[in-house]
Amino acid sequence: MKIKYLSHACFELSNGKTILIDPYFEGNDTAPDYSGMPDLVLVTHEHFDHGADAARFNCPKVCPPNCDYPNKIEMKIGDKIDVMGIPIEMISASHHQSGYPTGYVFEFEGKRIAHLGDTYIDGVSRIENVDILFVPIGGHFTMNVEEAIEALKTIRPKVAIPMHYNTFPEIQADPLEFKEEAEKQGFSVTVIEIDHEIEQ
């Protein structure tokens, strides 16, 4: 499976099928040009910086009740569904700026993946057997670096990938600091540069 970081909280996961999470390209100076054609889009909440571009894709969009896109598949926290053979669970998040903050746990290409969306540390709870965790580190609107490390202690993923940092002045953070501090405590962290991809 290939994982490409497209800035902010946006990732593309591909291997046969392509999943795009929280697309935010329009008005995002940190994002690369994106010409991909995802088979499925996941949107964690209604804010522009997590779903601004979702409507431009013709594929199904999984989203919470307060989002509205063509071809949407509405989920509520705690729901579990199967879309195109991909098991998806919507989990809760703590983000008071949103009317319905969520994250996702899903299985893709033999990996159990969790994307926490925008969340503060009080929204983090145990998730079993996570292979890949996308975790916000930017602070202000989400957890900061220190709190994200606390989240790793709760979830204990095999690999953590930081997100939601340096897009705006308010969320400046150093992903390499997060990696260094987390790895001192026994966690594995992979930092992906924008518009780069890794094999996982």
C-alpha atoms as a PDB file:
ATOM      1  CA  MET A   1       0.000   0.000   0.000  1.00  0.00           C
ATOM      2  CA  LYS A   2       1.193   3.486  -0.852  1.00  0.00           C
ATOM      3  CA  ILE A   3       0.498   6.408   1.488  1.00  0.00           C
ATOM      4  CA  LYS A   4       0.948   9.920   0.133  1.00  0.00           C
ATOM      5  CA  TYR A   5       0.771  13.001   2.340  1.00  0.00           C
ATOM      6  CA  LEU A   6      -1.049  15.871   0.630  1.00  0.00           C
ATOM      7  CA  SER A   7      -0.664  18.410   3.487  1.00  0.00           C
ATOM      8  CA  HIS A   8      -2.761  19.250   6.532  1.00  0.00           C
ATOM      9  CA  ALA A   9      -4.908  16.198   7.409  1.00  0.00           C
ATOM     10  CA  CYS A  10      -5.102  14.890   3.847  1.00  0.00           C
ATOM     11  CA  PHE A  11      -3.725  11.512   2.814  1.00  0.00           C
ATOM     12  CA  GLU A  12      -4.108   9.323  -0.239  1.00  0.00           C
ATOM     13  CA  LEU A  13      -3.922   5.573   0.302  1.00  0.00           C
ATOM     14  CA  SER A  14      -3.690   3.405  -2.784  1.00  0.00           C
ATOM     15  CA  ASN A  15      -3.185  -0.144  -3.968  1.00  0.00           C
ATOM     16  CA  GLY A  16      -5.783  -1.073  -6.552  1.00  0.00           C
ATOM     17  CA  LYS A  17      -8.395   1.137  -4.892  1.00  0.00           C
ATOM     18  CA  THR A  18      -7.619   4.704  -3.852  1.00  0.00           C
ATOM     19  CA  ILE A  19      -8.905   6.304  -0.643  1.00  0.00           C
ATOM     20  CA  LEU A  20      -8.613  10.058  -0.101  1.00  0.00           C
ATOM     21  CA  ILE A  21      -9.032  11.437   3.421  1.00  0.00           C
ATOM     22  CA  ASP A  22      -9.973  15.054   4.260  1.00  0.00           C
ATOM     23  CA  PRO A  23      -9.188  16.665   0.873  1.00  0.00           C
ATOM     24  CA  TYR A  24      -8.109  20.297   1.186  1.00  0.00           C
ATOM     25  CA  PHE A  25      -6.482  21.764  -1.914  1.00  0.00           C
ATOM     26  CA  GLU A  26      -8.447  24.870  -2.859  1.00  0.00           C
ATOM     27  CA  GLY A  27      -6.994  27.847  -0.982  1.00  0.00           C
ATOM     28  CA  ASN A  28      -4.299  25.716   0.639  1.00  0.00           C
ATOM     29  CA  ASP A  29      -0.866  27.116  -0.178  1.00  0.00           C
ATOM     30  CA  THR A  30       0.874  24.084   1.314  1.00  0.00           C
ATOM     31  CA  ALA A  31      -0.977  21.524  -0.817  1.00  0.00           C
ATOM     32  CA  PRO A  32       0.331  20.122  -4.097  1.00  0.00           C
ATOM     33  CA  ASP A  33      -1.722  20.031  -7.263  1.00  0.00           C
ATOM     34  CA  TYR A  34      -3.887  16.930  -7.151  1.00  0.00           C
ATOM     35  CA  SER A  35      -5.243  15.194 -10.216  1.00  0.00           C
ATOM     36  CA  GLY A  36      -6.038  11.836  -8.640  1.00  0.00           C
ATOM     37  CA  MET A  37      -9.336  10.007  -9.083  1.00  0.00           C
ATOM     38  CA  PRO A  38     -10.142   8.405  -5.734  1.00  0.00           C
ATOM     39  CA  ASP A  39     -12.572   5.522  -5.427  1.00  0.00           C
ATOM     40  CA  LEU A  40     -13.669   6.716  -1.978  1.00  0.00           C
ATOM     41  CA  VAL A  41     -13.379   9.936   0.041  1.00  0.00           C
ATOM     42  CA  LEU A  42     -13.549  10.087   3.842  1.00  0.00           C
ATOM     43  CA  VAL A  43     -14.374  13.425   5.485  1.00  0.00           C
ATOM     44  CA  THR A  44     -13.974  13.727   9.261  1.00  0.00           C
ATOM     45  CA  HIS A  45     -16.017  16.895   9.827  1.00  0.00           C
ATOM     46  CA  GLU A  46     -17.606  19.881   8.139  1.00  0.00           C
ATOM     47  CA  HIS A  47     -14.773  22.426   8.273  1.00  0.00           C
ATOM     48  CA  PHE A  48     -13.429  23.722   4.957  1.00  0.00           C
ATOM     49  CA  ASP A  49      -9.908  22.542   5.700  1.00  0.00           C
ATOM     50  CA  HIS A  50     -11.065  18.918   5.864  1.00  0.00           C
ATOM     51  CA  GLY A  51     -13.507  18.613   3.000  1.00  0.00           C
ATOM     52  CA  ALA A  52     -13.223  21.696   0.809  1.00  0.00           C
ATOM     53  CA  ASP A  53     -12.615  19.608  -2.294  1.00  0.00           C
ATOM     54  CA  ALA A  54     -14.758  16.556  -1.577  1.00  0.00           C
ATOM     55  CA  ALA A  55     -17.574  17.593  -3.905  1.00  0.00           C
ATOM     56  CA  ARG A  56     -15.293  17.701  -6.944  1.00  0.00           C
ATOM     57  CA  PHE A  57     -14.884  13.924  -6.965  1.00  0.00           C
ATOM     58  CA  ASN A  58     -17.549  11.653  -8.438  1.00  0.00           C
ATOM     59  CA  CYS A  59     -16.950   8.800  -6.023  1.00  0.00           C
ATOM     60  CA  PRO A  60     -18.839   8.060  -2.783  1.00  0.00           C
ATOM     61  CA  LYS A  61     -17.999  10.325   0.162  1.00  0.00           C
ATOM     62  CA  VAL A  62     -18.303   8.975   3.678  1.00  0.00           C
ATOM     63  CA  CYS A  63     -19.061  11.815   6.083  1.00  0.00           C
ATOM     64  CA  PRO A  64     -20.902  12.788   9.271  1.00  0.00           C
ATOM     65  CA  PRO A  65     -24.530  14.010   9.237  1.00  0.00           C
ATOM     66  CA  ASN A  66     -23.716  17.736   9.044  1.00  0.00           C
ATOM     67  CA  CYS A  67     -21.807  17.409   5.760  1.00  0.00           C
ATOM     68  CA  ASP A  68     -23.566  17.482   2.416  1.00  0.00           C
ATOM     69  CA  TYR A  69     -21.941  16.206  -0.775  1.00  0.00           C
ATOM     70  CA  PRO A  70     -23.158  14.467  -3.906  1.00  0.00           C
ATOM     71  CA  ASN A  71     -22.965  10.674  -3.510  1.00  0.00           C
ATOM     72  CA  LYS A  72     -22.582  10.964   0.241  1.00  0.00           C
ATOM     73  CA  ILE A  73     -22.716   8.009   2.586  1.00  0.00           C
ATOM     74  CA  GLU A  74     -23.740   9.384   5.956  1.00  0.00           C
ATOM     75  CA  MET A  75     -22.361   7.807   9.104  1.00  0.00           C
ATOM     76  CA  LYS A  76     -22.845   8.523  12.780  1.00  0.00           C
ATOM     77  CA  ILE A  77     -20.360   7.934  15.572  1.00  0.00           C
ATOM     78  CA  GLY A  78     -20.277   4.245  16.390  1.00  0.00           C
ATOM     79  CA  ASP A  79     -21.601   3.159  12.993  1.00  0.00           C
ATOM     80  CA  LYS A  80     -19.763   0.386  11.162  1.00  0.00           C
ATOM     81  CA  ILE A  81     -20.279  -0.119   7.452  1.00  0.00           C
ATOM     82  CA  ASP A  82     -18.628  -1.818   4.501  1.00  0.00           C
ATOM     83  CA  VAL A  83     -17.964   0.278   1.395  1.00  0.00           C
ATOM     84  CA  MET A  84     -16.448  -1.451  -1.633  1.00  0.00           C
ATOM     85  CA  GLY A  85     -15.131  -4.194   0.607  1.00  0.00           C
ATOM     86  CA  ILE A  86     -13.541  -1.720   3.028  1.00  0.00           C
ATOM     87  CA  PRO A  87     -14.819  -2.016   6.635  1.00  0.00           C
ATOM     88  CA  ILE A  88     -15.185   1.476   8.108  1.00  0.00           C
ATOM     89  CA  GLU A  89     -16.048   2.600  11.639  1.00  0.00           C
ATOM     90  CA  MET A  90     -16.737   6.215  12.574  1.00  0.00           C
ATOM     91  CA  ILE A  91     -15.228   7.186  15.935  1.00  0.00           C
ATOM     92  CA  SER A  92     -15.735  10.250  18.088  1.00  0.00           C
ATOM     93  CA  ALA A  93     -13.366  13.195  18.379  1.00  0.00           C
ATOM     94  CA  SER A  94     -13.165  16.216  20.691  1.00  0.00           C
ATOM     95  CA  HIS A  95     -13.139  19.423  18.671  1.00  0.00           C
ATOM     96  CA  HIS A  96     -15.530  22.023  20.064  1.00  0.00           C
ATOM     97  CA  GLN A  97     -15.244  24.130  16.914  1.00  0.00           C
ATOM     98  CA  SER A  98     -17.127  21.436  14.987  1.00  0.00           C
ATOM     99  CA  GLY A  99     -20.771  20.463  15.247  1.00  0.00           C
ATOM    100  CA  TYR A 100     -19.965  16.783  14.756  1.00  0.00           C
ATOM    101  CA  PRO A 101     -16.244  15.958  15.037  1.00  0.00           C
ATOM    102  CA  THR A 102     -15.235  12.434  14.077  1.00  0.00           C
ATOM    103  CA  GLY A 103     -12.426  10.165  13.014  1.00  0.00           C
ATOM    104  CA  TYR A 104     -12.277   6.801  11.267  1.00  0.00           C
ATOM    105  CA  VAL A 105     -10.948   3.320  11.808  1.00  0.00           C
ATOM    106  CA  PHE A 106     -10.865   1.207   8.660  1.00  0.00           C
ATOM    107  CA  GLU A 107      -9.184  -1.815   7.176  1.00  0.00           C
ATOM    108  CA  PHE A 108      -7.363  -1.521   3.861  1.00  0.00           C
ATOM    109  CA  GLU A 109      -4.846  -3.834   2.225  1.00  0.00           C
ATOM    110  CA  GLY A 110      -4.488  -5.920   5.358  1.00  0.00           C
ATOM    111  CA  LYS A 111      -3.802  -2.918   7.621  1.00  0.00           C
ATOM    112  CA  ARG A 112      -5.954  -1.476  10.387  1.00  0.00           C
ATOM    113  CA  ILE A 113      -5.765   2.296  10.010  1.00  0.00           C
ATOM    114  CA  ALA A 114      -7.020   5.106  12.264  1.00  0.00           C
ATOM    115  CA  HIS A 115      -7.371   8.764  11.296  1.00  0.00           C
ATOM    116  CA  LEU A 116      -8.201  10.841  14.380  1.00  0.00           C
ATOM    117  CA  GLY A 117      -9.503  13.912  12.517  1.00  0.00           C
ATOM    118  CA  ASP A 118      -9.297  17.115  14.533  1.00  0.00           C
ATOM    119  CA  THR A 119      -9.213  16.146  18.180  1.00  0.00           C
ATOM    120  CA  TYR A 120      -7.998  17.319  21.545  1.00  0.00           C
ATOM    121  CA  ILE A 121      -6.483  14.793  23.915  1.00  0.00           C
ATOM    122  CA  ASP A 122      -9.741  14.322  25.831  1.00  0.00           C
ATOM    123  CA  GLY A 123     -11.249  12.826  22.683  1.00  0.00           C
ATOM    124  CA  VAL A 124      -8.670  10.051  22.434  1.00  0.00           C
ATOM    125  CA  SER A 125      -9.616   6.587  23.616  1.00  0.00           C
ATOM    126  CA  ARG A 126      -8.172   3.110  23.199  1.00  0.00           C
ATOM    127  CA  ILE A 127      -8.375   1.658  19.695  1.00  0.00           C
ATOM    128  CA  GLU A 128      -7.292  -1.945  19.404  1.00  0.00           C
ATOM    129  CA  ASN A 129      -4.675  -3.272  17.004  1.00  0.00           C
ATOM    130  CA  VAL A 130      -3.891  -0.107  15.038  1.00  0.00           C
ATOM    131  CA  ASP A 131      -1.211  -0.612  12.401  1.00  0.00           C
ATOM    132  CA  ILE A 132      -1.127   2.998  11.150  1.00  0.00           C
ATOM    133  CA  LEU A 133      -2.288   6.048  13.112  1.00  0.00           C
ATOM    134  CA  PHE A 134      -2.700   9.512  11.581  1.00  0.00           C
ATOM    135  CA  VAL A 135      -2.408  11.883  14.540  1.00  0.00           C
ATOM    136  CA  PRO A 136      -2.670  15.704  14.721  1.00  0.00           C
ATOM    137  CA  ILE A 137       0.232  17.506  16.413  1.00  0.00           C
ATOM    138  CA  GLY A 138      -0.239  21.204  15.604  1.00  0.00           C
ATOM    139  CA  GLY A 139      -1.933  22.389  18.788  1.00  0.00           C
ATOM    140  CA  HIS A 140      -4.416  25.273  19.054  1.00  0.00           C
ATOM    141  CA  PHE A 141      -7.229  23.459  17.192  1.00  0.00           C
ATOM    142  CA  THR A 142      -6.015  19.950  18.125  1.00  0.00           C
ATOM    143  CA  MET A 143      -3.488  18.168  20.294  1.00  0.00           C
ATOM    144  CA  ASN A 144       0.033  19.533  20.416  1.00  0.00           C
ATOM    145  CA  VAL A 145       3.207  17.430  20.209  1.00  0.00           C
ATOM    146  CA  GLU A 146       3.232  16.464  23.900  1.00  0.00           C
ATOM    147  CA  GLU A 147      -0.458  15.547  23.895  1.00  0.00           C
ATOM    148  CA  ALA A 148      -0.067  13.553  20.686  1.00  0.00           C
ATOM    149  CA  ILE A 149       2.572  11.449  22.437  1.00  0.00           C
ATOM    150  CA  GLU A 150       0.060  10.841  25.233  1.00  0.00           C
ATOM    151  CA  ALA A 151      -2.387   9.707  22.538  1.00  0.00           C
ATOM    152  CA  LEU A 152       0.187   7.176  21.354  1.00  0.00           C
ATOM    153  CA  LYS A 153       0.379   5.790  24.888  1.00  0.00           C
ATOM    154  CA  THR A 154      -3.384   5.243  24.808  1.00  0.00           C
ATOM    155  CA  ILE A 155      -3.679   3.775  21.300  1.00  0.00           C
ATOM    156  CA  ARG A 156      -0.244   2.134  20.972  1.00  0.00           C
ATOM    157  CA  PRO A 157      -0.123   1.966  17.162  1.00  0.00           C
ATOM    158  CA  LYS A 158       2.567   0.091  15.275  1.00  0.00           C
ATOM    159  CA  VAL A 159       3.354   3.259  13.314  1.00  0.00           C
ATOM    160  CA  ALA A 160       2.259   6.879  13.895  1.00  0.00           C
ATOM    161  CA  ILE A 161       2.221   9.495  11.129  1.00  0.00           C
ATOM    162  CA  PRO A 162       1.850  13.150  12.210  1.00  0.00           C
ATOM    163  CA  MET A 163      -0.570  15.535  10.493  1.00  0.00           C
ATOM    164  CA  HIS A 164      -2.370  18.864  10.932  1.00  0.00           C
ATOM    165  CA  TYR A 165       0.667  21.092  11.418  1.00  0.00           C
ATOM    166  CA  ASN A 166       2.272  24.135   9.716  1.00  0.00           C
ATOM    167  CA  THR A 167      -0.673  24.828   7.392  1.00  0.00           C
ATOM    168  CA  PHE A 168      -1.593  27.980   9.316  1.00  0.00           C
ATOM    169  CA  PRO A 169       0.417  30.240  11.649  1.00  0.00           C
ATOM    170  CA  GLU A 170      -1.582  28.961  14.637  1.00  0.00           C
ATOM    171  CA  ILE A 171      -0.559  25.333  14.168  1.00  0.00           C
ATOM    172  CA  GLN A 172       3.212  25.504  13.844  1.00  0.00           C
ATOM    173  CA  ALA A 173       4.877  22.320  15.065  1.00  0.00           C
ATOM    174  CA  ASP A 174       7.990  20.303  14.308  1.00  0.00           C
ATOM    175  CA  PRO A 175       7.164  16.751  13.190  1.00  0.00           C
ATOM    176  CA  LEU A 176      10.786  15.714  13.721  1.00  0.00           C
ATOM    177  CA  GLU A 177      10.540  16.795  17.361  1.00  0.00           C
ATOM    178  CA  PHE A 178       7.417  14.653  17.659  1.00  0.00           C
ATOM    179  CA  LYS A 179       9.257  11.725  16.080  1.00  0.00           C
ATOM    180  CA  GLU A 180      12.286  12.104  18.331  1.00  0.00           C
ATOM    181  CA  GLU A 181      10.303  12.421  21.546  1.00  0.00           C
ATOM    182  CA  ALA A 182       7.907   9.597  20.646  1.00  0.00           C
ATOM    183  CA  GLU A 183      10.698   7.249  19.670  1.00  0.00           C
ATOM    184  CA  LYS A 184      12.441   7.905  23.007  1.00  0.00           C
ATOM    185  CA  GLN A 185       9.322   6.352  24.542  1.00  0.00           C
ATOM    186  CA  GLY A 186       9.369   3.303  22.306  1.00  0.00           C
ATOM    187  CA  PHE A 187       7.005   4.340  19.506  1.00  0.00           C
ATOM    188  CA  SER A 188       7.638   4.177  15.779  1.00  0.00           C
ATOM    189  CA  VAL A 189       6.961   7.418  13.882  1.00  0.00           C
ATOM    190  CA  THR A 190       7.163   8.053  10.148  1.00  0.00           C
ATOM    191  CA  VAL A 191       7.204  11.664   8.969  1.00  0.00           C
ATOM    192  CA  ILE A 192       6.070  12.056   5.362  1.00  0.00           C
ATOM    193  CA  GLU A 193       6.960  15.211   3.504  1.00  0.00           C
ATOM    194  CA  ILE A 194       4.167  16.869   1.538  1.00  0.00           C
ATOM    195  CA  ASP A 195       3.621  15.288  -1.886  1.00  0.00           C
ATOM    196  CA  HIS A 196       5.839  12.334  -0.963  1.00  0.00           C
ATOM    197  CA  GLU A 197       4.676   8.771  -0.511  1.00  0.00           C
ATOM    198  CA  ILE A 198       5.802   5.743   1.415  1.00  0.00           C
ATOM    199  CA  GLU A 199       5.153   2.024   1.088  1.00  0.00           C
ATOM    200  CA  GLN A 200       3.578   0.524   4.166  1.00  0.00           C
END
